[in-house]
Structures are given as structure tokens and as C-alpha cells.
Protein backbone atom coordinates (compact mmCIF):
# COMPACT_ATOMS: atom_id res chain seq x y z
CA MET A 1 -1.93 -19.41 30.93
CA LYS A 2 -3.12 -18.32 28.01
CA LYS A 3 -0.09 -17.02 26.69
CA ILE A 4 2.02 -20.34 27.17
CA THR A 5 -0.66 -22.18 25.04
CA GLN A 6 -0.03 -19.79 22.31
CA LEU A 7 3.22 -20.20 23.07
CA MET A 8 3.39 -24.04 23.27
CA ALA A 9 0.87 -24.53 19.78
CA SER A 10 2.83 -21.61 17.38
CA ALA A 11 6.32 -23.79 18.85
CA ALA A 12 4.02 -27.11 17.00
CA PHE A 13 3.16 -25.24 14.08
CA LEU A 14 6.58 -24.30 13.65
CA GLY A 15 8.23 -27.75 14.75
CA ALA A 16 6.05 -29.43 11.78
CA THR A 17 8.46 -27.81 9.32
CA ALA A 18 12.26 -28.35 10.36
CA VAL A 19 11.54 -31.67 10.11
CA ASN A 20 10.74 -32.17 6.26
CA ALA A 21 12.56 -28.62 5.14
CA THR A 22 10.40 -27.48 1.59
CA GLU A 23 10.74 -25.03 -0.91
CA LEU A 24 8.11 -22.86 -1.11
CA GLU A 25 7.35 -20.62 -4.11
CA VAL A 26 6.23 -17.12 -3.46
CA THR A 27 4.60 -14.99 -5.39
CA HIS A 28 4.77 -11.05 -4.95
CA TRP A 29 5.61 -7.98 -7.11
CA TRP A 30 7.96 -6.16 -5.11
CA THR A 31 10.65 -5.38 -7.77
CA SER A 32 12.04 -1.79 -7.05
CA GLY A 33 15.23 -1.71 -5.38
CA GLY A 34 13.43 -0.43 -2.05
CA GLU A 35 10.73 -3.15 -2.35
CA ALA A 36 13.47 -5.88 -3.14
CA ALA A 37 16.15 -4.73 -0.26
CA ALA A 38 12.51 -5.33 1.96
CA VAL A 39 11.50 -8.23 0.70
CA ALA A 40 15.09 -10.31 1.36
CA GLU A 41 14.25 -9.70 4.88
CA PHE A 42 11.16 -12.03 4.39
CA ALA A 43 13.43 -14.47 2.75
CA LYS A 44 16.11 -14.47 5.08
CA ALA A 45 13.64 -15.23 7.59
CA PHE A 46 11.99 -18.04 6.26
CA ASP A 47 14.98 -19.81 5.20
CA ALA A 48 16.23 -20.20 8.66
CA THR A 49 13.35 -22.03 9.60
CA GLY A 50 15.05 -24.71 7.46
CA ASN A 51 12.84 -24.26 4.48
CA THR A 52 13.46 -22.15 0.80
CA TRP A 53 11.67 -19.36 -0.03
CA VAL A 54 11.64 -19.64 -3.54
CA ASP A 55 11.12 -16.03 -5.18
CA GLY A 56 8.38 -15.84 -7.60
CA ALA A 57 8.88 -11.73 -8.23
CA ILE A 58 6.30 -10.69 -10.76
CA ALA A 59 7.51 -7.28 -12.70
CA GLY A 60 5.11 -4.39 -12.43
CA SER A 61 2.74 -3.09 -10.34
CA GLY A 62 -0.22 -5.20 -8.40
CA GLY A 63 -2.43 -4.33 -11.30
CA THR A 64 -0.15 -6.22 -13.71
CA ALA A 65 0.54 -9.07 -10.91
CA ARG A 66 -3.19 -10.05 -9.49
CA PRO A 67 -4.43 -11.15 -12.57
CA ILE A 68 -1.76 -13.64 -13.37
CA ILE A 69 -1.38 -14.63 -9.87
CA ILE A 70 -5.41 -15.30 -9.59
CA SER A 71 -4.92 -16.84 -13.28
CA ARG A 72 -2.43 -19.39 -12.15
CA ILE A 73 -4.74 -20.49 -8.47
CA LEU A 74 -7.79 -20.80 -11.09
CA GLY A 75 -5.87 -23.10 -13.29
CA GLY A 76 -4.70 -25.31 -10.83
CA ASP A 77 -1.31 -23.82 -10.96
CA PRO A 78 -0.96 -22.33 -7.24
CA MET A 79 1.67 -20.92 -5.95
CA GLY A 80 2.93 -21.42 -2.00
CA ALA A 81 1.60 -18.55 -1.05
CA THR A 82 1.03 -15.02 -2.97
CA GLN A 83 1.21 -11.44 -1.78
CA LEU A 84 -1.94 -9.82 -2.23
CA ASN A 85 -3.61 -6.29 -0.87
CA HIS A 86 -5.88 -7.25 2.39
CA GLY A 87 -9.63 -6.14 1.54
CA ARG A 88 -11.80 -7.52 -1.26
CA GLN A 89 -9.16 -8.65 -3.66
CA ALA A 90 -9.12 -12.42 -2.67
CA GLU A 91 -12.63 -12.89 -1.78
CA GLU A 92 -14.11 -15.13 -4.68
CA LEU A 93 -11.21 -17.06 -4.42
CA ILE A 94 -11.84 -17.61 -0.87
CA GLU A 95 -15.64 -18.34 -1.83
CA ALA A 96 -14.33 -21.27 -3.93
CA GLY A 97 -12.16 -22.83 -1.24
CA LEU A 98 -8.86 -22.09 -3.18
CA MET A 99 -7.52 -20.43 -0.23
CA THR A 100 -5.94 -21.94 3.48
CA ASP A 101 -8.03 -20.99 6.23
CA LEU A 102 -5.23 -19.75 8.86
CA THR A 103 -7.98 -19.02 11.48
CA GLU A 104 -6.14 -22.22 13.60
CA LEU A 105 -2.72 -20.27 13.71
CA ALA A 106 -3.89 -17.15 14.11
CA GLU A 107 -5.96 -18.14 17.36
CA ALA A 108 -3.08 -20.12 18.53
CA GLN A 109 -0.63 -17.23 18.05
CA GLY A 110 -2.92 -14.68 19.34
CA TRP A 111 -3.19 -12.46 16.12
CA LYS A 112 -6.02 -10.53 17.31
CA ASP A 113 -4.31 -9.13 20.22
CA LEU A 114 -1.50 -8.32 18.24
CA VAL A 115 -2.47 -6.95 15.18
CA ASN A 116 -2.84 -2.69 15.30
CA PRO A 117 -5.71 -1.60 13.99
CA PRO A 118 -7.86 -4.58 14.32
CA SER A 119 -9.37 -3.72 10.73
CA LEU A 120 -6.29 -5.13 8.91
CA LEU A 121 -7.43 -8.54 10.71
CA ASP A 122 -10.90 -7.96 9.74
CA ALA A 123 -9.59 -7.37 6.71
CA CYS A 124 -8.44 -10.85 6.33
CA THR A 125 -11.64 -12.48 7.62
CA PHE A 126 -14.22 -13.83 5.72
CA GLU A 127 -17.42 -15.18 7.24
CA GLY A 128 -15.80 -15.33 10.75
CA ARG A 129 -12.37 -17.49 9.61
CA ILE A 130 -9.01 -15.37 8.97
CA TYR A 131 -7.06 -16.03 5.49
CA CYS A 132 -4.76 -14.02 5.05
CA VAL A 133 -1.61 -12.51 7.63
CA PRO A 134 -1.25 -8.61 7.28
CA VAL A 135 2.40 -7.97 6.91
CA ASN A 136 2.35 -4.01 6.96
CA ILE A 137 0.38 -0.66 6.99
CA HIS A 138 0.81 1.00 3.85
CA SER A 139 -0.92 4.57 3.09
CA GLY A 140 -1.32 6.88 0.14
CA GLN A 141 -2.19 9.77 1.60
CA TRP A 142 1.60 11.55 1.61
CA ILE A 143 3.65 13.77 -0.83
CA TRP A 144 7.41 13.69 -1.11
CA LEU A 145 9.27 16.75 -1.80
CA SER A 146 12.87 17.54 -2.97
CA HIS A 147 14.89 19.91 -1.30
CA GLY A 148 17.29 20.16 -3.94
CA ALA A 149 14.39 20.99 -6.11
CA PHE A 150 13.14 23.96 -4.24
CA GLU A 151 16.43 25.25 -3.49
CA LYS A 152 17.16 25.35 -7.23
CA ALA A 153 14.34 27.63 -7.73
CA GLY A 154 14.71 29.85 -4.36
CA LEU A 155 12.15 28.50 -2.62
CA SER A 156 11.37 27.24 0.91
CA VAL A 157 10.14 23.79 1.00
CA PRO A 158 5.88 23.62 1.06
CA ALA A 159 4.45 23.05 4.46
CA ASN A 160 1.06 22.02 2.72
CA TRP A 161 -0.60 21.17 -0.42
CA ASP A 162 -1.60 24.91 -1.08
CA GLU A 163 2.15 26.15 -0.42
CA PHE A 164 3.11 23.36 -3.20
CA VAL A 165 0.65 24.35 -5.99
CA ALA A 166 1.41 28.20 -5.42
CA ALA A 167 5.37 27.46 -5.84
CA ALA A 168 4.96 25.48 -9.11
CA PRO A 169 5.28 28.78 -11.50
CA LYS A 170 8.82 29.18 -9.73
CA LEU A 171 9.70 25.41 -10.30
CA GLN A 172 8.91 25.73 -14.01
CA GLU A 173 10.71 28.68 -14.59
CA ALA A 174 14.14 26.91 -12.94
CA GLY A 175 13.22 24.10 -15.43
CA ILE A 176 11.62 21.38 -13.18
CA THR A 177 8.59 19.60 -13.32
CA PRO A 178 6.27 20.09 -10.49
CA LEU A 179 4.51 17.30 -9.99
CA ALA A 180 6.02 13.76 -10.60
CA MET A 181 3.33 11.26 -11.83
CA GLY A 182 3.69 7.57 -13.61
CA GLN A 183 1.57 7.26 -16.08
CA GLN A 184 -0.80 4.40 -14.96
CA GLY A 185 -4.31 4.22 -13.17
CA TRP A 186 -3.28 3.18 -9.89
CA GLN A 187 -1.10 5.85 -9.22
CA GLN A 188 -3.59 8.76 -10.77
CA ASN A 189 -6.14 7.24 -9.06
CA LEU A 190 -3.98 7.60 -5.34
CA ALA A 191 -3.31 11.12 -6.57
CA PHE A 192 -7.29 11.48 -6.53
CA GLY A 193 -8.53 10.11 -2.49
CA THR A 194 -4.98 11.74 -1.47
CA ILE A 195 -6.60 15.36 -2.72
CA THR A 196 -9.68 14.26 -2.02
CA ILE A 197 -8.72 13.99 1.44
CA ALA A 198 -7.15 17.13 1.89
CA ILE A 199 -9.89 19.12 -0.53
CA ALA A 200 -13.16 17.90 0.55
CA GLY A 201 -12.20 16.50 3.77
CA VAL A 202 -12.21 12.88 5.36
CA ASP A 203 -16.32 13.03 6.03
CA ALA A 204 -16.54 13.60 2.35
CA TRP A 205 -14.33 10.72 1.45
CA ARG A 206 -15.93 8.42 3.96
CA GLU A 207 -19.26 9.11 2.49
CA VAL A 208 -18.23 8.50 -1.20
CA SER A 209 -15.22 5.63 -0.34
CA VAL A 210 -17.42 3.97 2.45
CA ASN A 211 -20.78 4.55 2.19
CA ARG A 212 -20.96 5.02 -1.62
CA ASN A 213 -23.03 8.17 -1.56
CA ALA A 214 -23.11 9.23 -5.22
CA ASP A 215 -25.09 12.53 -4.06
CA THR A 216 -21.88 13.79 -2.07
CA ALA A 217 -20.04 12.43 -5.17
CA ALA A 218 -21.60 14.87 -7.30
CA GLY A 219 -21.60 17.66 -4.85
CA PRO A 220 -19.39 20.67 -4.32
CA GLU A 221 -17.02 19.43 -2.38
CA TYR A 222 -16.18 16.92 -5.52
CA THR A 223 -16.30 19.35 -7.69
CA ALA A 224 -13.48 20.99 -5.83
CA VAL A 225 -11.64 18.09 -5.62
CA PHE A 226 -12.26 17.20 -9.84
CA GLU A 227 -10.97 20.94 -10.17
CA ALA A 228 -7.54 20.64 -7.96
CA VAL A 229 -6.49 17.25 -9.86
CA ALA A 230 -7.26 19.17 -13.20
CA ASN A 231 -4.76 21.70 -12.16
CA ALA A 232 -2.18 18.67 -10.96
CA ARG A 233 -2.47 17.70 -14.45
CA GLU A 234 -1.13 20.44 -15.58
CA LEU A 235 1.64 20.18 -13.01
CA ALA A 236 2.41 17.08 -14.04
CA LYS A 237 2.90 17.70 -17.65
CA GLY A 238 6.35 16.58 -18.68
CA SER A 239 6.39 13.82 -16.32
CA ASN A 240 6.78 11.31 -18.98
CA VAL A 241 7.59 7.97 -16.89
CA GLN A 242 5.33 4.82 -16.45
CA ASP A 243 6.58 3.26 -12.82
CA TRP A 244 5.89 4.68 -10.00
CA ASN A 245 9.04 4.83 -8.81
CA LEU A 246 10.62 6.22 -11.95
CA ALA A 247 8.73 9.00 -10.54
CA THR A 248 10.31 8.88 -7.54
CA ASN A 249 13.80 8.78 -9.00
CA LEU A 250 13.18 12.52 -10.24
CA VAL A 251 12.40 13.32 -7.10
CA ILE A 252 15.58 12.05 -5.57
CA THR A 253 17.29 13.39 -8.56
CA ASP A 254 15.94 17.03 -8.17
CA GLN A 255 13.80 16.92 -11.73
CA ALA A 256 10.81 17.58 -9.49
CA GLY A 257 9.48 18.84 -7.20
CA GLY A 258 7.18 16.68 -5.69
CA GLN A 259 5.36 13.30 -5.96
CA ILE A 260 1.80 11.79 -4.39
CA MET A 261 2.76 8.47 -3.63
CA GLY A 262 2.33 6.07 -0.76
CA ASP A 263 4.74 5.41 2.06
CA TRP A 264 6.43 2.53 0.26
CA ALA A 265 8.28 5.59 -1.70
CA GLN A 266 10.60 5.59 1.33
CA GLY A 267 12.32 2.71 0.04
CA GLU A 268 13.67 4.30 -2.72
CA PHE A 269 15.09 7.46 -0.45
CA GLN A 270 16.64 4.65 1.38
CA VAL A 271 18.49 3.20 -1.85
CA ALA A 272 19.60 5.90 -2.88
CA GLY A 273 21.31 7.15 0.37
CA GLN A 274 18.81 10.64 1.02
CA VAL A 275 18.09 11.57 4.51
CA ALA A 276 14.04 11.89 5.88
CA GLY A 277 14.24 15.84 7.15
CA GLN A 278 17.38 16.46 5.74
CA ASP A 279 17.04 15.51 1.50
CA TYR A 280 13.91 15.13 1.21
CA THR A 281 10.38 15.99 3.42
CA CYS A 282 7.04 14.06 3.38
CA LEU A 283 3.65 15.62 4.39
CA PRO A 284 1.17 12.97 5.62
CA GLY A 285 -2.06 14.11 4.10
CA LEU A 286 -0.72 16.54 2.20
CA GLY A 287 0.26 18.87 5.44
CA VAL A 288 -3.79 19.49 5.14
CA ASN A 289 -5.47 16.62 6.75
CA GLU A 290 -3.06 14.33 8.69
CA VAL A 291 -4.90 10.97 8.28
CA LEU A 292 -3.04 7.51 6.93
CA ASP A 293 -5.42 4.91 5.23
CA THR A 294 -4.88 1.30 6.85
CA GLY A 295 -4.17 -0.73 3.71
CA GLY A 296 -1.11 -2.58 2.91
CA ASP A 297 0.06 -6.21 2.12
CA ALA A 298 -0.69 -9.28 3.25
CA PHE A 299 0.24 -12.81 2.10
CA TYR A 300 -2.69 -15.61 1.19
CA PHE A 301 -1.83 -19.27 1.04
CA PRO A 302 -3.63 -21.41 -2.02
CA VAL A 303 -5.06 -25.17 -0.87
CA ILE A 304 -1.80 -27.48 -1.98
CA ASP A 305 -3.10 -30.98 -0.56
CA ASP A 306 0.63 -32.09 0.61
CA ALA A 307 1.60 -31.99 4.32
CA ASP A 308 5.06 -31.01 3.78
CA THR A 309 3.78 -27.60 1.77
CA LYS A 310 0.92 -27.35 4.04
CA ALA A 311 3.63 -27.14 7.18
CA ALA A 312 5.52 -24.89 5.39
CA GLN A 313 3.04 -22.66 4.29
CA MET A 314 2.13 -22.20 8.36
CA ALA A 315 5.59 -21.47 9.13
CA LEU A 316 5.78 -18.80 6.30
CA ALA A 317 2.66 -17.41 7.86
CA SER A 318 4.01 -17.47 11.32
CA THR A 319 7.35 -15.77 9.74
CA LEU A 320 5.99 -13.23 8.31
CA ILE A 321 4.20 -11.78 11.52
CA ALA A 322 6.88 -12.57 14.07
CA PRO A 323 8.36 -9.47 15.98
CA GLU A 324 12.15 -9.76 14.19
CA THR A 325 10.82 -9.92 11.19
CA GLN A 326 7.88 -6.87 11.38
CA VAL A 327 11.03 -4.50 12.16
CA ALA A 328 13.43 -5.59 9.76
CA PHE A 329 11.22 -5.60 6.72
CA ASN A 330 9.16 -2.00 7.33
CA LEU A 331 12.30 -0.11 8.09
CA LYS A 332 13.21 -1.20 4.63
CA LYS A 333 10.02 -0.96 3.05
CA GLY A 334 8.99 2.40 4.69
CA SER A 335 5.67 0.58 5.69
CA LEU A 336 4.14 0.85 10.05
CA PRO A 337 4.30 -2.24 11.16
CA VAL A 338 1.47 -4.24 11.77
CA ARG A 339 1.97 -5.20 15.54
CA GLY A 340 1.45 -2.76 17.94
CA ASP A 341 3.81 -4.00 20.56
CA ILE A 342 7.20 -3.99 18.97
CA ASP A 343 10.03 -1.53 19.22
CA MET A 344 10.34 0.95 16.02
CA SER A 345 12.31 3.38 17.63
CA ALA A 346 14.97 3.08 14.72
CA ALA A 347 12.08 4.36 12.26
CA ASN A 348 12.95 7.69 10.50
CA ASP A 349 11.41 10.66 10.46
CA CYS A 350 8.92 9.85 7.99
CA MET A 351 8.03 6.66 9.45
CA GLN A 352 7.92 8.54 13.37
CA LYS A 353 4.73 10.59 11.84
CA GLY A 354 3.30 7.47 10.30
CA LEU A 355 3.46 5.94 13.43
CA GLN A 356 2.01 9.04 15.93
CA ILE A 357 -0.69 9.46 13.05
CA LEU A 358 -1.57 5.60 13.52
CA ALA A 359 -1.28 6.43 17.53
CA ASP A 360 -3.52 8.88 17.55
CA GLY A 361 -6.25 7.19 15.62
CA ASN A 362 -6.43 8.96 12.50
CA VAL A 363 -7.32 5.98 10.31
CA LEU A 364 -9.43 5.25 7.73
CA PRO A 365 -10.16 2.02 5.74
CA SER A 366 -8.25 1.52 2.35
CA GLY A 367 -10.19 1.61 -1.14
CA ASP A 368 -9.32 -2.36 -1.40
CA MET A 369 -11.22 -3.11 2.05
CA ASN A 370 -14.52 -0.56 0.76
CA LEU A 371 -14.58 -1.42 -3.03
CA THR A 372 -14.93 -4.05 -5.39
CA ALA A 373 -11.93 -5.09 -7.60
CA ASP A 374 -14.34 -4.57 -10.70
CA THR A 375 -15.13 -0.97 -9.06
CA GLN A 376 -11.50 0.19 -8.19
CA THR A 377 -10.55 -0.85 -12.09
CA GLN A 378 -12.97 1.03 -13.16
CA ILE A 379 -12.00 4.04 -11.30
CA GLU A 380 -8.46 3.39 -12.10
CA ASP A 381 -9.65 3.85 -16.21
CA LEU A 382 -11.36 6.88 -15.73
CA MET A 383 -8.53 8.83 -13.59
CA ALA A 384 -6.04 7.30 -16.16
CA GLU A 385 -8.06 8.63 -19.34
CA PHE A 386 -8.52 12.29 -17.52
CA TRP A 387 -5.02 12.44 -16.79
CA SER A 388 -3.72 11.53 -20.05
CA SER A 389 -6.65 13.88 -22.09
CA GLU A 390 -8.25 17.13 -21.95
CA MET A 391 -11.43 15.83 -20.30
CA SER A 392 -13.09 18.32 -18.03
CA ALA A 393 -13.52 18.39 -14.70
CA SER A 394 -17.09 18.54 -14.50
CA ASP A 395 -17.49 15.62 -17.49
CA ALA A 396 -14.83 13.29 -14.85
CA GLN A 397 -16.72 13.79 -11.83
CA ALA A 398 -20.33 12.88 -13.91
CA ARG A 399 -18.36 10.03 -14.91
CA TYR A 400 -17.29 9.22 -11.18
CA VAL A 401 -20.69 9.54 -10.33
CA ASP A 402 -21.89 6.90 -12.14
CA ILE A 403 -19.33 4.77 -10.91
CA ILE A 404 -19.98 5.43 -7.28
CA ALA A 405 -23.94 4.97 -7.68
CA SER A 406 -23.53 0.86 -8.97
CA ALA A 407 -20.60 0.48 -7.56
CA GLU A 408 -20.98 -2.77 -4.72
């Protein structure tokens, strides 16, 4: 009976848009080849409802797009829907009453029974109300390895971070940059977090990133992390690109041995026609601690006082989490679906690894769920300076400890 009620309520939400088809501007920062292919699946599914997806892509990373998105909403020029990372990024907008409450739709469609892990929906929830629809699970704890690069250097493909570091001199002798790294703070911070989990371990990471324990951040586990990151900085010298997808391309074209990057890199390998396990290898947790953080993307719907727009917003929210849309989008994006009830047998080798880790429950909350946007920015700024200078590991650790000590 409950399922019938949910289906009837869902039909009512969707049926409201069929009569009054609406153009809905959707802002996002998915502009690389793999990302564009994935977001096209969302647009196609939404257009099939009789409404029209008006693409509002913003070039650059989330760090570039988010201030533009937030400024428009605060300035009274809201879009119909917008990508953000689920977590604390929209907290102030929600408090100001500028984001649409999706609780009624979520309850009608039984999102709490569908979304896995539950922390994804929790990250969309503020004071008991749901304000976003999570669309994928993206994790940063991966290194992507070029088979061609290691073959040129006469090496076997590494199975873990220690083997990768040991192989670096041979790669350099072959004229290959060991580690591709885009020159942006968020990418360098992602690498820092991934190395932290591999070197310091999950417990130490949780103490700092979740419990904000500055004593642990100042301790020997994190000293080893900062020394490892300083070494990684040396391995990345010569990787003079800005955007993450350009760094991924260095791996695809065998100019770099590997890249520490989130699982969205898979979309670039797919667009290039490369096959997981044949042309490249992926190591979750750097092959050391196979865990995933449950970060990812979600869509929020700014408050707009127009009945047709509101109906179109609900239609899009429903479409984004629909089973067929979840499969089509995530296969292109390289991310994991938020629904635990769909068939992902078509997923490639790397996605299957992620699905198994998820099934095993080896997951962590992402930084966006634990730290405020201000704290995240401070850490990213520190990492950008650390990776681009000769700052010592000890100086970087001391500054990091100060940030964690004052984190909210």
C-alpha cells in the first residue's frame, strides 16, 4: 500500500508539468568531455517530461562556479536549478529561505528507502527538511595509472602508492612525469586528503577531518603525511597544467605515470576510448586503504514564485533520481549511483571496484559534509601554496594545525 501511495504521489508531481511545459535554466560546472557527455543524459531525460533543459554550464571548477551561482541567487536572479556538492555549501542560502524544500517530494517517492548510503540524503537535510536531490557518489581516493607510460619505462604497473613512488625515478629517466597534477588548490587538497588516508590511516583522518582534532593534526601520523606530500610535489614537477582534465590527459597520452584524482576522471578515459584494466589501472585508496568518501553532486532548487517553474523544478528533481536516469548518467560520469536498487552490471572494472567498496561499507563522509566552505577554502589555499613553493613539510603542517584548531 505504501508503494502504491508513493507512485500515485510521484505521478501527481510529474503530471503537473505535462500541461504547462517550462524552460528551466540549470547551472553546473560540468564542461570537460566526459562531464558534458554525462550531463547530456540529464538534459535528455528532463526534456522527455515535456519541459526544456536550458543549459547554464559555467566553465571552470566548482570553486569558480559556486561564487557565481551563490551571487546570482543572493542578487535576486536565481536559476531554476543548480548543481552544488551535497553538504554544507548551501547552508546559509537555506537559512535565508532561498532554497526550495523538497521534503514532500522526497517522502512521496520514498527517497529515504532508495538513497544509499543514507548519509547522502542526510547531507541534503537541514533541520529535518530535505533541500537537495543527490545524484551521484564521487570519491577522491583514487590514483589513475597509464599502462603505456610504465611500459615505456620498462616497469610493471604499480599495485600501491609505495610501488608508484619507487617507480618514479625510472619514469623520469624515460622522460615521463611521474605524477600529473593540475595547479589548482582543490586538486592539490584532494591529493593531500587521499595521501592522508593511505599514509596516516582512516582513524587519524577521521579524528582531524570529522572531529577537528588539532592534536592529531600536529602528531606523527600527519608529519608522515606532509613529508609524503612534499615528496609527491617533487614527482609532479613538470606537470604544468591547470585544469584536472588536462592532467588526466597527460595520463591518457602516456606523458605522465599517474594522477591522483576523483572517479570523475573515468569519463575522460571513456571519451578517449580507453578501457579500464587494459589501457589504465585505477587504485582506490592508492592501493593501501581501499575506502571511498561519499562526496558527490546534488541539485538544489532556488525559490521562484511561479507555479509553472515550481512544477518544472519538481519534475527535474524526480527525473534526476529516477532509475533509468541514474544508470545512464553515472555510466557516463564514472561516478556511483545514489540508488541502491538499480542494475549496474554494465559498469567497467573501476566502477565495479567502487561498487564493491560501497557494498562492503568502507565509506567515509566527504570534507564538504564535515567542514565549512570557509575552512575548506583555507586548506585549499594552503595546499596551493605548499605545492607551488619550497615551503617545508613542517611549516605546512603547522599552518594546517592552526586551520583545524579554528575550524567550525
